[in-house]
Amino acid sequence: MKEESNRPWFVYLLRCNDGSLYTGVSTDVPRRCREHTAGTASRYTRARLPVRLVYQESVANRSAALKRELAIKAMTRSEKLDLIQARQDPHVVSAS
């Protein structure tokens, strides 16, 4: 378990087949995406396959990842879409 504490943590968003967004945390986003795609990662995404990774950000540690996950989950759908768009196009300026 000590090995994992030195690994970077990530917060990620998936776009599900029904258009909904799923937020999660992991130290290995590609592996976690494979688990979601296989239907073994979460009940929510299993019922909404296929899923596609649309956003990820690196954070310092597990605690920071969980806090950021909660912050993103508290965002409105519009705010989440703005976050995704800003990551895809760093030249986009927020309207706020």
Protein backbone atom coordinates (compact mmCIF):
# COMPACT_ATOMS: atom_id res chain seq x y z
CA MET A 1 0.00 0.00 0.00
CA LYS A 2 2.96 2.35 0.54
CA GLU A 3 3.76 2.11 -3.18
CA GLU A 4 0.36 3.50 -4.03
CA SER A 5 0.75 6.47 -1.67
CA ASN A 6 3.59 7.77 -3.88
CA ARG A 7 1.55 7.49 -7.06
CA PRO A 8 -0.29 10.53 -8.39
CA TRP A 9 -4.06 10.58 -8.04
CA PHE A 10 -6.48 11.70 -10.71
CA VAL A 11 -10.04 12.93 -10.84
CA TYR A 12 -11.83 11.95 -14.05
CA LEU A 13 -15.15 12.41 -15.78
CA LEU A 14 -16.80 9.92 -18.11
CA ARG A 15 -19.58 10.68 -20.55
CA CYS A 16 -22.05 7.81 -20.46
CA ASN A 17 -24.10 6.51 -23.38
CA ASP A 18 -27.20 8.33 -22.08
CA GLY A 19 -25.27 11.64 -22.01
CA SER A 20 -24.87 11.73 -18.24
CA LEU A 21 -21.52 12.47 -16.62
CA TYR A 22 -19.81 10.24 -14.05
CA THR A 23 -17.05 11.54 -11.76
CA GLY A 24 -14.47 9.29 -10.10
CA VAL A 25 -10.93 9.09 -8.73
CA SER A 26 -8.08 6.71 -9.45
CA THR A 27 -4.32 6.31 -9.49
CA ASP A 28 -4.58 4.58 -12.87
CA VAL A 29 -7.20 6.17 -15.13
CA PRO A 30 -6.66 3.87 -18.15
CA ARG A 31 -7.15 0.78 -15.95
CA ARG A 32 -10.20 2.32 -14.31
CA CYS A 33 -11.70 3.16 -17.71
CA ARG A 34 -11.18 -0.45 -18.81
CA GLU A 35 -13.03 -1.55 -15.66
CA HIS A 36 -15.89 0.84 -16.40
CA THR A 37 -16.04 -0.40 -20.01
CA ALA A 38 -16.10 -4.01 -18.80
CA GLY A 39 -18.99 -3.16 -16.47
CA THR A 40 -17.05 -4.01 -13.32
CA ALA A 41 -16.26 -0.53 -11.94
CA SER A 42 -19.59 0.92 -10.87
CA ARG A 43 -23.26 0.11 -10.99
CA TYR A 44 -23.99 3.56 -12.43
CA THR A 45 -21.76 3.22 -15.48
CA ARG A 46 -22.58 -0.47 -15.99
CA ALA A 47 -26.16 0.54 -16.78
CA ARG A 48 -25.02 3.30 -19.15
CA LEU A 49 -22.40 1.69 -21.38
CA PRO A 50 -20.46 2.56 -23.38
CA VAL A 51 -18.59 5.30 -21.56
CA ARG A 52 -15.92 7.69 -22.81
CA LEU A 53 -13.25 9.53 -20.83
CA VAL A 54 -13.79 13.27 -21.35
CA TYR A 55 -11.75 14.86 -18.56
CA GLN A 56 -9.00 14.11 -16.08
CA GLU A 57 -6.83 16.16 -13.78
CA SER A 58 -3.92 15.25 -11.57
CA VAL A 59 -4.03 16.02 -7.85
CA ALA A 60 -1.46 15.71 -5.07
CA ASN A 61 -2.89 12.78 -3.10
CA ARG A 62 -5.97 10.68 -2.32
CA SER A 63 -7.38 13.26 0.07
CA ALA A 64 -7.12 16.02 -2.54
CA ALA A 65 -8.66 13.70 -5.14
CA LEU A 66 -11.67 12.94 -2.96
CA LYS A 67 -12.16 16.63 -2.13
CA ARG A 68 -11.96 17.60 -5.80
CA GLU A 69 -14.35 14.78 -6.72
CA LEU A 70 -16.90 16.16 -4.25
CA ALA A 71 -16.42 19.68 -5.61
CA ILE A 72 -17.02 18.50 -9.17
CA LYS A 73 -20.04 16.44 -8.14
CA ALA A 74 -21.48 19.60 -6.54
CA MET A 75 -21.17 21.49 -9.84
CA THR A 76 -24.13 21.95 -12.14
CA ARG A 77 -24.12 20.02 -15.40
CA SER A 78 -23.35 23.28 -17.21
CA GLU A 79 -20.33 23.92 -14.99
CA LYS A 80 -19.06 20.39 -15.61
CA LEU A 81 -19.42 20.85 -19.36
CA ASP A 82 -17.51 24.15 -19.10
CA LEU A 83 -14.76 22.33 -17.18
CA ILE A 84 -14.55 19.67 -19.89
CA GLN A 85 -14.53 22.26 -22.67
CA ALA A 86 -11.85 24.38 -20.97
CA ARG A 87 -9.59 21.32 -20.67
CA GLN A 88 -10.10 20.44 -24.33
CA ASP A 89 -9.55 24.04 -25.48
CA PRO A 90 -7.28 25.93 -23.06
CA HIS A 91 -8.01 29.18 -24.93
CA VAL A 92 -11.66 29.19 -23.85
CA VAL A 93 -12.33 31.95 -21.32
CA SER A 94 -15.05 31.36 -18.75
CA ALA A 95 -18.01 33.75 -18.86
CA SER A 96 -17.95 34.20 -15.08
